[in-house]
Amino acid sequence: MWRLPFYLLSIWLGFKFVRWALRYLESNKSEPMIRSGNDKKCVDDLVKDPVCGKFVPVKNSISTVKNGNQVHFCSEACLKQYLDQ
């Protein structure tokens, strides 16, 4: 006799939880992976290598400062090619 109300209550609570979870996930949009050039870089941000065009995480990139701007590269070869220009 108590099974039917218990099942209905369980289904209703499950529905409410799923609805809440979907709203929560939609409201917490993550930040974009690629920021504009003026923003401060974080270690997880992707930067574009100006020589080969690959995107590399800042923490894995090789960087140098040229004309007051920090430039990031995917490899030593790209850095050397950029500096030889």
C-alpha atoms as a PDB file:
ATOM      1  CA  MET A   1       0.000   0.000   0.000  1.00  0.00           C
ATOM      2  CA  TRP A   2       2.854   2.392   0.722  1.00  0.00           C
ATOM      3  CA  ARG A   3       4.829   1.440  -2.359  1.00  0.00           C
ATOM      4  CA  LEU A   4       2.879   3.529  -4.874  1.00  0.00           C
ATOM      5  CA  PRO A   5       3.207   6.847  -2.958  1.00  0.00           C
ATOM      6  CA  PHE A   6       6.871   6.041  -2.303  1.00  0.00           C
ATOM      7  CA  TYR A   7       7.537   5.431  -6.020  1.00  0.00           C
ATOM      8  CA  LEU A   8       5.663   8.578  -7.037  1.00  0.00           C
ATOM      9  CA  LEU A   9       7.581  10.651  -4.490  1.00  0.00           C
ATOM     10  CA  SER A  10      10.890   9.151  -5.703  1.00  0.00           C
ATOM     11  CA  ILE A  11      10.066   9.947  -9.326  1.00  0.00           C
ATOM     12  CA  TRP A  12       9.040  13.511  -8.430  1.00  0.00           C
ATOM     13  CA  LEU A  13      12.216  14.103  -6.399  1.00  0.00           C
ATOM     14  CA  GLY A  14      14.347  12.650  -9.194  1.00  0.00           C
ATOM     15  CA  PHE A  15      12.693  14.963 -11.715  1.00  0.00           C
ATOM     16  CA  LYS A  16      13.304  17.987  -9.461  1.00  0.00           C
ATOM     17  CA  PHE A  17      16.953  17.011  -8.971  1.00  0.00           C
ATOM     18  CA  VAL A  18      17.612  16.581 -12.699  1.00  0.00           C
ATOM     19  CA  ARG A  19      15.945  19.916 -13.419  1.00  0.00           C
ATOM     20  CA  TRP A  20      18.035  21.629 -10.732  1.00  0.00           C
ATOM     21  CA  ALA A  21      21.248  20.015 -12.015  1.00  0.00           C
ATOM     22  CA  LEU A  22      20.612  21.170 -15.589  1.00  0.00           C
ATOM     23  CA  ARG A  23      19.945  24.735 -14.448  1.00  0.00           C
ATOM     24  CA  TYR A  24      23.074  24.681 -12.295  1.00  0.00           C
ATOM     25  CA  LEU A  25      25.255  23.490 -15.176  1.00  0.00           C
ATOM     26  CA  GLU A  26      23.841  26.120 -17.536  1.00  0.00           C
ATOM     27  CA  SER A  27      24.449  28.940 -15.046  1.00  0.00           C
ATOM     28  CA  ASN A  28      28.122  28.017 -14.506  1.00  0.00           C
ATOM     29  CA  LYS A  29      29.491  28.531 -17.987  1.00  0.00           C
ATOM     30  CA  SER A  30      33.264  28.181 -18.052  1.00  0.00           C
ATOM     31  CA  GLU A  31      35.566  30.916 -19.260  1.00  0.00           C
ATOM     32  CA  PRO A  32      36.764  30.769 -22.853  1.00  0.00           C
ATOM     33  CA  MET A  33      39.992  28.866 -23.474  1.00  0.00           C
ATOM     34  CA  ILE A  34      41.456  31.608 -25.657  1.00  0.00           C
ATOM     35  CA  ARG A  35      41.511  35.149 -24.304  1.00  0.00           C
ATOM     36  CA  SER A  36      42.164  38.393 -26.101  1.00  0.00           C
ATOM     37  CA  GLY A  37      45.712  39.706 -26.310  1.00  0.00           C
ATOM     38  CA  ASN A  38      45.184  42.321 -23.593  1.00  0.00           C
ATOM     39  CA  ASP A  39      44.067  39.896 -20.877  1.00  0.00           C
ATOM     40  CA  LYS A  40      46.487  38.479 -18.327  1.00  0.00           C
ATOM     41  CA  LYS A  41      47.488  34.927 -19.255  1.00  0.00           C
ATOM     42  CA  CYS A  42      46.830  31.981 -16.928  1.00  0.00           C
ATOM     43  CA  VAL A  43      48.788  28.727 -17.026  1.00  0.00           C
ATOM     44  CA  ASP A  44      45.847  26.856 -18.590  1.00  0.00           C
ATOM     45  CA  ASP A  45      45.206  29.420 -21.338  1.00  0.00           C
ATOM     46  CA  LEU A  46      46.027  28.590 -24.936  1.00  0.00           C
ATOM     47  CA  VAL A  47      48.305  30.875 -26.927  1.00  0.00           C
ATOM     48  CA  LYS A  48      48.961  30.801 -30.649  1.00  0.00           C
ATOM     49  CA  ASP A  49      52.476  30.237 -31.936  1.00  0.00           C
ATOM     50  CA  PRO A  50      53.129  33.065 -34.453  1.00  0.00           C
ATOM     51  CA  VAL A  51      55.383  30.875 -36.615  1.00  0.00           C
ATOM     52  CA  CYS A  52      53.482  27.624 -37.140  1.00  0.00           C
ATOM     53  CA  GLY A  53      50.018  28.665 -35.907  1.00  0.00           C
ATOM     54  CA  LYS A  54      49.627  25.893 -33.309  1.00  0.00           C
ATOM     55  CA  PHE A  55      47.814  26.574 -30.041  1.00  0.00           C
ATOM     56  CA  VAL A  56      49.857  25.697 -26.963  1.00  0.00           C
ATOM     57  CA  PRO A  57      49.041  25.910 -23.231  1.00  0.00           C
ATOM     58  CA  VAL A  58      50.979  28.750 -21.604  1.00  0.00           C
ATOM     59  CA  LYS A  59      52.503  26.351 -19.063  1.00  0.00           C
ATOM     60  CA  ASN A  60      54.000  24.226 -21.878  1.00  0.00           C
ATOM     61  CA  SER A  61      55.096  27.064 -24.138  1.00  0.00           C
ATOM     62  CA  ILE A  62      58.527  28.564 -24.662  1.00  0.00           C
ATOM     63  CA  SER A  63      58.356  32.329 -24.441  1.00  0.00           C
ATOM     64  CA  THR A  64      60.487  35.370 -25.124  1.00  0.00           C
ATOM     65  CA  VAL A  65      59.977  39.114 -24.900  1.00  0.00           C
ATOM     66  CA  LYS A  66      60.323  41.112 -28.097  1.00  0.00           C
ATOM     67  CA  ASN A  67      59.450  44.822 -28.412  1.00  0.00           C
ATOM     68  CA  GLY A  68      57.907  44.743 -24.925  1.00  0.00           C
ATOM     69  CA  ASN A  69      55.472  41.923 -25.779  1.00  0.00           C
ATOM     70  CA  GLN A  70      55.720  38.369 -24.501  1.00  0.00           C
ATOM     71  CA  VAL A  71      55.520  35.885 -27.371  1.00  0.00           C
ATOM     72  CA  HIS A  72      54.873  32.157 -26.843  1.00  0.00           C
ATOM     73  CA  PHE A  73      56.109  29.276 -29.027  1.00  0.00           C
ATOM     74  CA  CYS A  74      55.409  25.551 -29.253  1.00  0.00           C
ATOM     75  CA  SER A  75      59.058  24.539 -29.733  1.00  0.00           C
ATOM     76  CA  GLU A  76      62.644  25.758 -29.753  1.00  0.00           C
ATOM     77  CA  ALA A  77      62.652  25.510 -33.557  1.00  0.00           C
ATOM     78  CA  CYS A  78      59.763  27.989 -33.863  1.00  0.00           C
ATOM     79  CA  LEU A  79      61.459  30.327 -31.375  1.00  0.00           C
ATOM     80  CA  LYS A  80      64.716  30.217 -33.357  1.00  0.00           C
ATOM     81  CA  GLN A  81      62.887  30.820 -36.637  1.00  0.00           C
ATOM     82  CA  TYR A  82      61.041  33.802 -35.116  1.00  0.00           C
ATOM     83  CA  LEU A  83      64.219  35.355 -33.736  1.00  0.00           C
ATOM     84  CA  ASP A  84      66.048  34.878 -37.088  1.00  0.00           C
ATOM     85  CA  GLN A  85      63.441  36.943 -38.958  1.00  0.00           C
END
